[in-house]
Structures are given as structure tokens and as C-alpha cells.
C-alpha atoms as a PDB file:
ATOM      1  CA  MET A   1     118.082   9.205 185.335  1.00  0.00           C
ATOM      2  CA  LYS A   2     116.553  10.676 181.686  1.00  0.00           C
ATOM      3  CA  LYS A   3     119.804  13.118 181.520  1.00  0.00           C
ATOM      4  CA  THR A   4     121.871   9.631 182.600  1.00  0.00           C
ATOM      5  CA  LEU A   5     120.914   7.781 179.580  1.00  0.00           C
ATOM      6  CA  ALA A   6     120.921  10.225 177.060  1.00  0.00           C
ATOM      7  CA  LEU A   7     124.467  10.870 178.027  1.00  0.00           C
ATOM      8  CA  ILE A   8     125.106   6.796 177.611  1.00  0.00           C
ATOM      9  CA  LEU A   9     123.228   6.708 174.036  1.00  0.00           C
ATOM     10  CA  THR A  10     125.367   9.725 172.592  1.00  0.00           C
ATOM     11  CA  ALA A  11     128.236   8.112 173.847  1.00  0.00           C
ATOM     12  CA  ALA A  12     127.673   5.203 171.953  1.00  0.00           C
ATOM     13  CA  LEU A  13     126.773   6.955 168.447  1.00  0.00           C
ATOM     14  CA  VAL A  14     129.983   8.995 169.017  1.00  0.00           C
ATOM     15  CA  LEU A  15     131.815   5.325 169.408  1.00  0.00           C
ATOM     16  CA  LEU A  16     129.975   4.037 166.643  1.00  0.00           C
ATOM     17  CA  THR A  17     131.054   7.336 164.539  1.00  0.00           C
ATOM     18  CA  PHE A  18     134.825   6.555 165.195  1.00  0.00           C
ATOM     19  CA  ALA A  19     134.512   3.083 164.131  1.00  0.00           C
ATOM     20  CA  ALA A  20     133.243   3.703 161.227  1.00  0.00           C
ATOM     21  CA  CYS A  21     135.647   6.117 160.456  1.00  0.00           C
ATOM     22  CA  GLY A  22     138.316   3.464 161.058  1.00  0.00           C
ATOM     23  CA  SER A  23     137.208   0.870 159.051  1.00  0.00           C
ATOM     24  CA  ALA A  24     137.374   3.340 156.121  1.00  0.00           C
ATOM     25  CA  ALA A  25     141.231   3.732 155.882  1.00  0.00           C
ATOM     26  CA  PRO A  26     141.901   0.287 155.300  1.00  0.00           C
ATOM     27  CA  ALA A  27     139.737   0.934 152.128  1.00  0.00           C
ATOM     28  CA  ALA A  28     141.816   3.333 151.063  1.00  0.00           C
ATOM     29  CA  THR A  29     145.369   1.906 151.759  1.00  0.00           C
ATOM     30  CA  ASP A  30     143.850  -1.095 150.116  1.00  0.00           C
ATOM     31  CA  THR A  31     144.186   0.506 146.882  1.00  0.00           C
ATOM     32  CA  ALA A  32     147.855   1.768 146.793  1.00  0.00           C
ATOM     33  CA  PRO A  33     149.266  -1.789 146.233  1.00  0.00           C
ATOM     34  CA  ALA A  34     147.235  -2.171 143.349  1.00  0.00           C
ATOM     35  CA  ALA A  35     148.517   1.125 141.617  1.00  0.00           C
ATOM     36  CA  GLU A  36     152.308  -0.356 142.740  1.00  0.00           C
ATOM     37  CA  GLU A  37     151.490  -3.248 140.906  1.00  0.00           C
ATOM     38  CA  ALA A  38     150.194  -1.748 137.953  1.00  0.00           C
ATOM     39  CA  ALA A  39     153.588  -0.355 137.213  1.00  0.00           C
ATOM     40  CA  PRO A  40     155.705  -3.160 136.409  1.00  0.00           C
ATOM     41  CA  ALA A  41     152.702  -4.000 133.631  1.00  0.00           C
ATOM     42  CA  GLU A  42     153.745  -0.374 132.425  1.00  0.00           C
ATOM     43  CA  GLU A  43     157.316  -1.113 132.262  1.00  0.00           C
ATOM     44  CA  ALA A  44     156.296  -4.698 130.559  1.00  0.00           C
ATOM     45  CA  ALA A  45     155.253  -3.045 127.379  1.00  0.00           C
ATOM     46  CA  ALA A  46     157.772  -1.387 126.874  1.00  0.00           C
ATOM     47  CA  PRO A  47     159.482  -4.031 124.791  1.00  0.00           C
ATOM     48  CA  ALA A  48     156.430  -4.702 122.802  1.00  0.00           C
ATOM     49  CA  GLU A  49     157.073  -1.317 121.582  1.00  0.00           C
ATOM     50  CA  GLU A  50     160.365  -1.365 120.834  1.00  0.00           C
ATOM     51  CA  ALA A  51     159.894  -4.798 118.853  1.00  0.00           C
ATOM     52  CA  ALA A  52     157.357  -2.329 116.635  1.00  0.00           C
ATOM     53  CA  ALA A  53     160.540  -0.233 115.579  1.00  0.00           C
ATOM     54  CA  PRO A  54     161.179  -0.613 111.911  1.00  0.00           C
ATOM     55  CA  ALA A  55     164.295  -3.038 110.891  1.00  0.00           C
ATOM     56  CA  GLU A  56     167.635  -1.700 109.936  1.00  0.00           C
ATOM     57  CA  SER A  57     168.185  -1.329 106.479  1.00  0.00           C
ATOM     58  CA  ILE A  58     169.394  -4.021 104.035  1.00  0.00           C
ATOM     59  CA  LYS A  59     172.588  -2.744 102.048  1.00  0.00           C
ATOM     60  CA  LEU A  60     173.480  -3.573  98.624  1.00  0.00           C
ATOM     61  CA  THR A  61     176.730  -2.612  96.967  1.00  0.00           C
ATOM     62  CA  VAL A  62     177.014  -2.346  93.281  1.00  0.00           C
ATOM     63  CA  GLY A  63     179.678  -1.560  90.934  1.00  0.00           C
ATOM     64  CA  ALA A  64     179.128   0.493  87.983  1.00  0.00           C
ATOM     65  CA  SER A  65     180.277   2.443  85.160  1.00  0.00           C
ATOM     66  CA  SER A  66     180.075   5.444  85.709  1.00  0.00           C
ATOM     67  CA  THR A  67     177.752   6.784  82.827  1.00  0.00           C
ATOM     68  CA  PRO A  68     175.186   6.139  82.241  1.00  0.00           C
ATOM     69  CA  HIS A  69     175.405   3.097  84.768  1.00  0.00           C
ATOM     70  CA  ALA A  70     175.657   4.677  88.125  1.00  0.00           C
ATOM     71  CA  GLU A  71     173.512   7.461  87.319  1.00  0.00           C
ATOM     72  CA  LEU A  72     170.672   4.717  86.068  1.00  0.00           C
ATOM     73  CA  LEU A  73     171.117   3.727  89.861  1.00  0.00           C
ATOM     74  CA  GLU A  74     170.975   6.760  91.035  1.00  0.00           C
ATOM     75  CA  LEU A  75     167.720   6.958  90.208  1.00  0.00           C
ATOM     76  CA  VAL A  76     166.571   3.909  91.792  1.00  0.00           C
ATOM     77  CA  LYS A  77     167.590   4.973  94.791  1.00  0.00           C
ATOM     78  CA  PRO A  78     164.939   6.458  96.537  1.00  0.00           C
ATOM     79  CA  ALA A  79     162.506   3.342  95.213  1.00  0.00           C
ATOM     80  CA  LEU A  80     164.679   0.846  97.000  1.00  0.00           C
ATOM     81  CA  ALA A  81     165.007   3.096 100.251  1.00  0.00           C
ATOM     82  CA  GLU A  82     161.447   2.631 100.432  1.00  0.00           C
ATOM     83  CA  GLN A  83     161.643  -1.351 100.617  1.00  0.00           C
ATOM     84  CA  GLY A  84     164.476  -1.182 103.084  1.00  0.00           C
ATOM     85  CA  ILE A  85     167.222  -1.443 100.653  1.00  0.00           C
ATOM     86  CA  GLU A  86     170.275   1.019 101.311  1.00  0.00           C
ATOM     87  CA  LEU A  87     171.948   1.150  97.718  1.00  0.00           C
ATOM     88  CA  GLU A  88     175.978   1.961  97.632  1.00  0.00           C
ATOM     89  CA  ILE A  89     177.291   2.579  94.298  1.00  0.00           C
ATOM     90  CA  VAL A  90     180.981   1.979  93.583  1.00  0.00           C
ATOM     91  CA  ILE A  91     182.194   3.979  90.254  1.00  0.00           C
ATOM     92  CA  TYR A  92     184.809   1.648  87.687  1.00  0.00           C
ATOM     93  CA  ASP A  93     186.678   3.235  84.738  1.00  0.00           C
ATOM     94  CA  ASP A  94     187.749  -0.501  83.639  1.00  0.00           C
ATOM     95  CA  TYR A  95     185.943  -3.857  82.818  1.00  0.00           C
ATOM     96  CA  VAL A  96     187.897  -6.274  84.761  1.00  0.00           C
ATOM     97  CA  LEU A  97     187.747  -4.316  88.541  1.00  0.00           C
ATOM     98  CA  PRO A  98     183.770  -4.519  88.683  1.00  0.00           C
ATOM     99  CA  ASN A  99     184.314  -8.268  88.345  1.00  0.00           C
ATOM    100  CA  THR A 100     186.868  -9.203  89.907  1.00  0.00           C
ATOM    101  CA  ALA A 101     185.325  -6.908  92.839  1.00  0.00           C
ATOM    102  CA  LEU A 102     182.551  -9.271  92.425  1.00  0.00           C
ATOM    103  CA  GLN A 103     183.716 -12.633  92.655  1.00  0.00           C
ATOM    104  CA  ASP A 104     185.753 -11.630  95.757  1.00  0.00           C
ATOM    105  CA  GLY A 105     182.424 -10.426  97.797  1.00  0.00           C
ATOM    106  CA  THR A 106     183.703  -6.526  97.424  1.00  0.00           C
ATOM    107  CA  LEU A 107     180.318  -5.588  95.665  1.00  0.00           C
ATOM    108  CA  ASP A 108     177.013  -7.620  95.616  1.00  0.00           C
ATOM    109  CA  ALA A 109     176.385  -7.043  92.301  1.00  0.00           C
ATOM    110  CA  ASN A 110     177.847  -5.266  88.978  1.00  0.00           C
ATOM    111  CA  TYR A 111     176.000  -3.167  86.497  1.00  0.00           C
ATOM    112  CA  PHE A 112     178.225  -1.901  83.249  1.00  0.00           C
ATOM    113  CA  GLN A 113     178.226  -5.139  81.097  1.00  0.00           C
ATOM    114  CA  HIS A 114     176.739  -7.443  78.447  1.00  0.00           C
ATOM    115  CA  THR A 115     176.621 -11.451  78.501  1.00  0.00           C
ATOM    116  CA  PRO A 116     178.905 -11.980  75.810  1.00  0.00           C
ATOM    117  CA  TYR A 117     181.203  -9.952  77.507  1.00  0.00           C
ATOM    118  CA  LEU A 118     180.556 -11.454  80.917  1.00  0.00           C
ATOM    119  CA  ASN A 119     181.013 -15.171  79.218  1.00  0.00           C
ATOM    120  CA  SER A 120     184.198 -14.174  78.435  1.00  0.00           C
ATOM    121  CA  PHE A 121     185.541 -13.262  81.377  1.00  0.00           C
ATOM    122  CA  ASN A 122     184.390 -15.975  83.330  1.00  0.00           C
ATOM    123  CA  ALA A 123     186.321 -18.200  80.611  1.00  0.00           C
ATOM    124  CA  SER A 124     189.253 -16.164  80.816  1.00  0.00           C
ATOM    125  CA  ASN A 125     188.884 -16.042  84.675  1.00  0.00           C
ATOM    126  CA  GLY A 126     187.577 -19.189  85.824  1.00  0.00           C
ATOM    127  CA  THR A 127     184.616 -16.760  87.410  1.00  0.00           C
ATOM    128  CA  ASP A 128     181.253 -17.895  88.177  1.00  0.00           C
ATOM    129  CA  LEU A 129     179.091 -15.179  87.337  1.00  0.00           C
ATOM    130  CA  VAL A 130     175.422 -14.627  86.195  1.00  0.00           C
ATOM    131  CA  SER A 131     173.273 -12.352  84.983  1.00  0.00           C
ATOM    132  CA  ALA A 132     170.626 -11.539  87.821  1.00  0.00           C
ATOM    133  CA  GLY A 133     168.538  -9.289  84.410  1.00  0.00           C
ATOM    134  CA  LEU A 134     168.934  -7.573  81.423  1.00  0.00           C
ATOM    135  CA  ILE A 135     168.426  -4.168  82.026  1.00  0.00           C
ATOM    136  CA  HIS A 136     169.221  -2.094  78.836  1.00  0.00           C
ATOM    137  CA  TYR A 137     171.243  -1.939  75.423  1.00  0.00           C
ATOM    138  CA  GLU A 138     173.194   0.862  73.993  1.00  0.00           C
ATOM    139  CA  PRO A 139     174.018   1.246  70.410  1.00  0.00           C
ATOM    140  CA  PHE A 140     177.538   0.787  69.908  1.00  0.00           C
ATOM    141  CA  GLY A 141     178.614   3.619  67.369  1.00  0.00           C
ATOM    142  CA  ILE A 142     181.307   4.678  65.298  1.00  0.00           C
ATOM    143  CA  TYR A 143     182.507   8.286  65.992  1.00  0.00           C
ATOM    144  CA  SER A 144     184.986  11.247  65.100  1.00  0.00           C
ATOM    145  CA  GLN A 145     186.088  14.367  66.079  1.00  0.00           C
ATOM    146  CA  THR A 146     186.986  15.807  62.560  1.00  0.00           C
ATOM    147  CA  VAL A 147     185.175  13.696  60.290  1.00  0.00           C
ATOM    148  CA  THR A 148     181.440  14.061  59.641  1.00  0.00           C
ATOM    149  CA  ALA A 149     180.415  11.127  57.223  1.00  0.00           C
ATOM    150  CA  LEU A 150     181.810   7.519  56.995  1.00  0.00           C
ATOM    151  CA  SER A 151     182.061   8.737  53.037  1.00  0.00           C
ATOM    152  CA  GLU A 152     184.627  11.518  53.807  1.00  0.00           C
ATOM    153  CA  LEU A 153     186.664   8.364  55.199  1.00  0.00           C
ATOM    154  CA  ALA A 154     190.204   8.976  53.331  1.00  0.00           C
ATOM    155  CA  ASP A 155     192.348   5.824  52.300  1.00  0.00           C
ATOM    156  CA  GLY A 156     194.948   4.462  55.010  1.00  0.00           C
ATOM    157  CA  ALA A 157     193.098   6.366  57.392  1.00  0.00           C
ATOM    158  CA  THR A 158     192.829   5.022  61.388  1.00  0.00           C
ATOM    159  CA  ILE A 159     190.167   3.225  62.658  1.00  0.00           C
ATOM    160  CA  ILE A 160     190.603   2.647  66.170  1.00  0.00           C
ATOM    161  CA  VAL A 161     188.299  -0.370  68.313  1.00  0.00           C
ATOM    162  CA  PRO A 162     188.048  -1.916  71.459  1.00  0.00           C
ATOM    163  CA  ASP A 163     190.821  -4.735  72.032  1.00  0.00           C
ATOM    164  CA  ASP A 164     188.491  -7.196  74.261  1.00  0.00           C
ATOM    165  CA  ASP A 165     187.044 -10.381  72.541  1.00  0.00           C
ATOM    166  CA  SER A 166     183.433  -9.615  72.863  1.00  0.00           C
ATOM    167  CA  ASN A 167     183.915  -5.688  72.091  1.00  0.00           C
ATOM    168  CA  GLN A 168     186.286  -6.295  69.363  1.00  0.00           C
ATOM    169  CA  THR A 169     183.886  -8.797  67.451  1.00  0.00           C
ATOM    170  CA  ARG A 170     181.174  -6.383  68.092  1.00  0.00           C
ATOM    171  CA  ALA A 171     183.203  -3.149  66.935  1.00  0.00           C
ATOM    172  CA  LEU A 172     184.227  -5.415  63.494  1.00  0.00           C
ATOM    173  CA  LEU A 173     180.853  -6.824  63.025  1.00  0.00           C
ATOM    174  CA  LEU A 174     179.653  -2.421  62.738  1.00  0.00           C
ATOM    175  CA  LEU A 175     182.915  -2.040  60.344  1.00  0.00           C
ATOM    176  CA  GLN A 176     181.570  -4.744  58.471  1.00  0.00           C
ATOM    177  CA  GLN A 177     177.753  -3.786  58.740  1.00  0.00           C
ATOM    178  CA  GLU A 178     178.774   0.118  57.327  1.00  0.00           C
ATOM    179  CA  GLY A 179     181.318  -1.891  54.450  1.00  0.00           C
ATOM    180  CA  LEU A 180     184.530  -1.205  55.821  1.00  0.00           C
ATOM    181  CA  VAL A 181     185.893  -4.174  56.292  1.00  0.00           C
ATOM    182  CA  GLU A 182     185.736  -7.094  55.202  1.00  0.00           C
ATOM    183  CA  LEU A 183     185.536 -10.386  57.738  1.00  0.00           C
ATOM    184  CA  PRO A 184     185.611 -14.222  57.733  1.00  0.00           C
ATOM    185  CA  GLU A 185     182.236 -15.463  55.950  1.00  0.00           C
ATOM    186  CA  GLY A 186     180.166 -16.671  59.108  1.00  0.00           C
ATOM    187  CA  ALA A 187     181.566 -14.681  61.342  1.00  0.00           C
ATOM    188  CA  SER A 188     179.666 -14.071  64.211  1.00  0.00           C
ATOM    189  CA  VAL A 189     179.362 -12.673  68.102  1.00  0.00           C
ATOM    190  CA  GLU A 190     178.915 -16.899  68.503  1.00  0.00           C
ATOM    191  CA  ASN A 191     182.507 -17.490  66.779  1.00  0.00           C
ATOM    192  CA  GLY A 192     184.190 -14.258  67.581  1.00  0.00           C
ATOM    193  CA  VAL A 193     186.472 -12.194  65.503  1.00  0.00           C
ATOM    194  CA  SER A 194     189.900  -9.891  66.020  1.00  0.00           C
ATOM    195  CA  VAL A 195     192.047  -7.685  63.787  1.00  0.00           C
ATOM    196  CA  LEU A 196     194.067 -10.574  62.788  1.00  0.00           C
ATOM    197  CA  ASP A 197     191.178 -12.127  61.651  1.00  0.00           C
ATOM    198  CA  ILE A 198     190.052  -9.054  59.013  1.00  0.00           C
ATOM    199  CA  VAL A 199     190.459 -10.325  55.469  1.00  0.00           C
ATOM    200  CA  ASP A 200     190.276  -7.234  53.862  1.00  0.00           C
ATOM    201  CA  ALA A 201     190.624  -4.019  55.236  1.00  0.00           C
ATOM    202  CA  LYS A 202     190.088  -1.862  52.613  1.00  0.00           C
ATOM    203  CA  GLY A 203     193.203   0.225  52.796  1.00  0.00           C
ATOM    204  CA  TYR A 204     192.149   1.308  56.762  1.00  0.00           C
ATOM    205  CA  ASN A 205     194.569   1.020  59.900  1.00  0.00           C
ATOM    206  CA  VAL A 206     192.279  -0.906  61.820  1.00  0.00           C
ATOM    207  CA  GLN A 207     194.137  -0.787  65.536  1.00  0.00           C
ATOM    208  CA  ALA A 208     193.271  -2.118  68.884  1.00  0.00           C
ATOM    209  CA  ALA A 209     193.115  -0.626  72.084  1.00  0.00           C
ATOM    210  CA  GLN A 210     191.856  -1.016  75.804  1.00  0.00           C
ATOM    211  CA  ALA A 211     188.030   0.056  75.709  1.00  0.00           C
ATOM    212  CA  ASP A 212     188.356   2.783  78.108  1.00  0.00           C
ATOM    213  CA  ALA A 213     190.975   4.436  76.167  1.00  0.00           C
ATOM    214  CA  VAL A 214     189.347   4.570  73.468  1.00  0.00           C
ATOM    215  CA  PRO A 215     187.763   8.215  73.332  1.00  0.00           C
ATOM    216  CA  SER A 216     190.612   9.807  74.582  1.00  0.00           C
ATOM    217  CA  LEU A 217     193.411   8.104  71.451  1.00  0.00           C
ATOM    218  CA  LEU A 218     189.951   9.267  69.349  1.00  0.00           C
ATOM    219  CA  ALA A 219     190.637  12.720  71.233  1.00  0.00           C
ATOM    220  CA  ASN A 220     194.281  12.971  70.723  1.00  0.00           C
ATOM    221  CA  SER A 221     194.549  11.081  67.167  1.00  0.00           C
ATOM    222  CA  ASP A 222     195.470  12.602  63.120  1.00  0.00           C
ATOM    223  CA  ALA A 223     192.797  14.110  61.582  1.00  0.00           C
ATOM    224  CA  GLY A 224     190.496  11.718  59.583  1.00  0.00           C
ATOM    225  CA  THR A 225     190.249   8.820  62.441  1.00  0.00           C
ATOM    226  CA  ILE A 226     187.302   6.940  63.310  1.00  0.00           C
ATOM    227  CA  ALA A 227     187.153   5.068  66.505  1.00  0.00           C
ATOM    228  CA  VAL A 228     184.229   2.497  67.520  1.00  0.00           C
ATOM    229  CA  ILE A 229     183.237   3.267  71.383  1.00  0.00           C
ATOM    230  CA  ASN A 230     181.230   1.482  73.806  1.00  0.00           C
ATOM    231  CA  TYR A 231     178.643   3.793  74.258  1.00  0.00           C
ATOM    232  CA  ASN A 232     179.046   4.125  78.032  1.00  0.00           C
ATOM    233  CA  TYR A 233     182.460   5.501  77.036  1.00  0.00           C
ATOM    234  CA  ALA A 234     180.959   7.395  74.651  1.00  0.00           C
ATOM    235  CA  LEU A 235     178.674   8.833  76.856  1.00  0.00           C
ATOM    236  CA  GLY A 236     181.618  10.230  79.070  1.00  0.00           C
ATOM    237  CA  ALA A 237     183.551  11.520  76.147  1.00  0.00           C
ATOM    238  CA  GLY A 238     180.308  13.622  75.334  1.00  0.00           C
ATOM    239  CA  PHE A 239     179.413  12.345  72.656  1.00  0.00           C
ATOM    240  CA  LYS A 240     175.098  10.836  71.821  1.00  0.00           C
ATOM    241  CA  THR A 241     173.691   8.523  69.555  1.00  0.00           C
ATOM    242  CA  THR A 242     173.061  11.612  67.337  1.00  0.00           C
ATOM    243  CA  ASP A 243     176.646  12.779  67.037  1.00  0.00           C
ATOM    244  CA  ALA A 244     177.630   8.964  65.792  1.00  0.00           C
ATOM    245  CA  LEU A 245     178.400   8.006  61.953  1.00  0.00           C
ATOM    246  CA  ALA A 246     176.624   4.774  62.184  1.00  0.00           C
ATOM    247  CA  ILE A 247     175.242   2.455  64.881  1.00  0.00           C
ATOM    248  CA  GLU A 248     174.284  -1.010  64.997  1.00  0.00           C
ATOM    249  CA  ASP A 249     171.156  -2.382  63.271  1.00  0.00           C
ATOM    250  CA  ALA A 250     169.111  -2.954  66.216  1.00  0.00           C
ATOM    251  CA  SER A 251     166.740  -4.284  64.536  1.00  0.00           C
ATOM    252  CA  GLY A 252     167.941  -7.913  65.129  1.00  0.00           C
ATOM    253  CA  ASP A 253     169.288  -9.301  67.585  1.00  0.00           C
ATOM    254  CA  ALA A 254     171.854  -6.795  68.867  1.00  0.00           C
ATOM    255  CA  ALA A 255     169.591  -5.169  71.516  1.00  0.00           C
ATOM    256  CA  GLN A 256     169.183  -8.689  73.607  1.00  0.00           C
ATOM    257  CA  THR A 257     172.909  -9.749  72.939  1.00  0.00           C
ATOM    258  CA  TYR A 258     174.395  -6.860  73.920  1.00  0.00           C
ATOM    259  CA  ALA A 259     172.030  -6.112  76.554  1.00  0.00           C
ATOM    260  CA  ASN A 260     173.472  -4.739  80.081  1.00  0.00           C
ATOM    261  CA  ILE A 261     172.997  -6.756  82.395  1.00  0.00           C
ATOM    262  CA  ILE A 262     173.201  -7.073  86.430  1.00  0.00           C
ATOM    263  CA  ALA A 263     175.423  -9.422  87.247  1.00  0.00           C
ATOM    264  CA  VAL A 264     175.715 -11.535  90.307  1.00  0.00           C
ATOM    265  CA  ARG A 265     178.067 -14.809  92.229  1.00  0.00           C
ATOM    266  CA  ARG A 266     176.376 -17.496  90.721  1.00  0.00           C
ATOM    267  CA  GLY A 267     173.493 -18.318  93.539  1.00  0.00           C
ATOM    268  CA  ASP A 268     172.627 -14.733  94.406  1.00  0.00           C
ATOM    269  CA  GLU A 269     170.001 -13.924  91.681  1.00  0.00           C
ATOM    270  CA  GLY A 270     167.334 -14.869  93.785  1.00  0.00           C
ATOM    271  CA  ARG A 271     168.414 -12.727  96.328  1.00  0.00           C
ATOM    272  CA  ALA A 272     165.039 -10.429  97.232  1.00  0.00           C
ATOM    273  CA  GLU A 273     167.649  -7.306  97.100  1.00  0.00           C
ATOM    274  CA  ILE A 274     168.965  -8.310  93.428  1.00  0.00           C
ATOM    275  CA  GLN A 275     165.457  -8.611  92.440  1.00  0.00           C
ATOM    276  CA  ALA A 276     164.072  -5.473  93.869  1.00  0.00           C
ATOM    277  CA  LEU A 277     167.447  -3.677  92.021  1.00  0.00           C
ATOM    278  CA  VAL A 278     166.520  -5.409  88.870  1.00  0.00           C
ATOM    279  CA  ALA A 279     162.823  -4.498  88.819  1.00  0.00           C
ATOM    280  CA  ALA A 280     163.658  -0.922  89.744  1.00  0.00           C
ATOM    281  CA  LEU A 281     165.313  -0.322  86.715  1.00  0.00           C
ATOM    282  CA  GLN A 282     163.200  -2.618  84.479  1.00  0.00           C
ATOM    283  CA  ALA A 283     160.272  -0.179  86.042  1.00  0.00           C
ATOM    284  CA  GLY A 284     160.731   3.389  83.596  1.00  0.00           C
ATOM    285  CA  ALA A 285     164.265   4.336  85.297  1.00  0.00           C
ATOM    286  CA  VAL A 286     165.681   4.228  81.389  1.00  0.00           C
ATOM    287  CA  ASP A 287     162.961   5.990  80.403  1.00  0.00           C
ATOM    288  CA  ALA A 288     163.549   8.531  82.749  1.00  0.00           C
ATOM    289  CA  TYR A 289     167.136   8.729  82.172  1.00  0.00           C
ATOM    290  CA  ASN A 290     166.575   9.157  78.251  1.00  0.00           C
ATOM    291  CA  GLU A 291     164.165  12.141  79.112  1.00  0.00           C
ATOM    292  CA  GLN A 292     166.846  13.909  81.415  1.00  0.00           C
ATOM    293  CA  THR A 293     169.934  13.188  79.013  1.00  0.00           C
ATOM    294  CA  GLY A 294     168.887  12.029  75.735  1.00  0.00           C
ATOM    295  CA  ALA A 295     170.759   9.665  75.718  1.00  0.00           C
ATOM    296  CA  GLY A 296     169.123   7.007  73.397  1.00  0.00           C
ATOM    297  CA  ILE A 297     169.748   4.060  75.235  1.00  0.00           C
ATOM    298  CA  VAL A 298     167.134   1.257  74.941  1.00  0.00           C
ATOM    299  CA  ALA A 299     165.118  -0.086  77.492  1.00  0.00           C
ATOM    300  CA  ILE A 300     164.843  -4.218  77.319  1.00  0.00           C
ATOM    301  CA  GLN A 301     161.118  -5.030  78.053  1.00  0.00           C
END
């Protein structure tokens, strides 16, 4: 009897043990769905990571004369890139196409001219381009391949000046400053003058030619010829300020009046990328350029 009772108790314990083991299995399987449900949560996190990726760069296309304007723009490329602005520079060799390309939307801005020239262009072409900021001033100068001082200038010598309205006025005012011509009383930037307005040419032969052609005309001219050259073209021809026989007196209003500008279509002055471009150029780019090249252009503060 005792043996039978012992066998019954032993069997009962075995059954309880199996029952306990059987109840643990569902607990293990219950965790699997939880792990499977966690996967969608990880997938849901992916879009958030994509949203955190940096935005694409804004492209800013700027037309410029090769020297010094395009070179100055190259100096500020890294600073603009840090702000997410990709600067594309398009080089022009004349003074008309950069403005027509700006007007038709090919360019976002251009950098080659001063305000009097821009005003003259707008009046002649019905455009509405404006300045977004003053950057630097380039002293207008008188240059020669053979004459080393204006006192050496021979009677009847040829003097070449730019033919566009604003720069022709500027050139003639410089010639008057040096006593080489006499202009009408009250001649000024505002009133404008041309070679036809010269009161007394002092025996010299004053000729007007397209601004970008003046350096090559001077290079192929007779000995004793001098020329008044826009400084960007003078730099391109290998001249520096120290080579000039005379330069404008910058102690007056010349620096402000003839400051080179960033030009844009009216209404674009407030665009963030345009303001960033102006700020970058005004933040020491001109001084850095002068240190590298010895060009002698003047930063506008």
C-alpha cells in the first residue's frame, strides 16, 4: 500500500513538472511578435534621417569682366559655398552682353560696371537694372607704350579714349585734370561730354574707340600715342596703377561715383544669395586681391 501511494505521488509530481514546462513555452513565443512589431518602428525612423540631410546648394550665376572682377569672385567662392551657395562665374569681354544677359534672366547678377554706366545703359536700352551694392573703385588712368611722362607728349599726338557715354566723359575729365584738353564750363559727370564738346584739344588728336579695344589700339599705335583706359582693361593688358602717367584724383567724389557695383534686376536686391554675395565681396576680398596682385584697386567701405 505504501509502495502504491509512493508511485502515485511520484507520477503526480512528474505531471506537474511537465505542466510547468508546458506553460513556459507560450511565454517565450509571446516575445516574438513584439520583436516583429519593432521592425516597422525602425523603418519609420528612416524618413526622419532623410529629412535631416542637407538641402541642395543654391546656384548663383554672375557675369563679370575677367580682370579683376572674375578674379575677385573666385576669392569669395569658398565663403559662399559654406552658406550653401554655388557661384558660377561667366566671363564677358565687352560692356553690353553682361547687361543684356542679366535683363533676359541668363544671369542672376553681374559685376563689371559703375553706376553712371548702368544708368546710361538703362536709358539707352529700356532696361531696369539696379545696384545691389558698391564693391570697389578702379582709378581711371592714362597709359602709353612709349611715353614715360605727359610732359614728353608731342604736338599732334594721338589720345585714345573710350567711346561709351559715361566712360568718355570720365576720360575727358581726366584729360582736363592734366591740362591736355579744355572742356565747356561746367562739364561734369552729370552733364556728360564727348570729344565733340572739346573746346580746345591743345593740338592733340583725340579719338574715341570701343572701351575693350582701347588697349589693343594703343599697343598697335604710332610711337608717342597715349590712351585713357578703363582699369579692368588696363589690368588685362598688363598695366598697373604704378604704370599710369596720371590717374584720377580720388580725393573727391570719384570713388563713390565710379564705384564698381553688383548689378541685378530691380526687385532682386533683397534676395538672400545676392546679399550674401555683396557681403562676401565687401568683407576683405579687395584687400586680399591687392595683396596677391599689387593691382591697387580701392575697396569701398
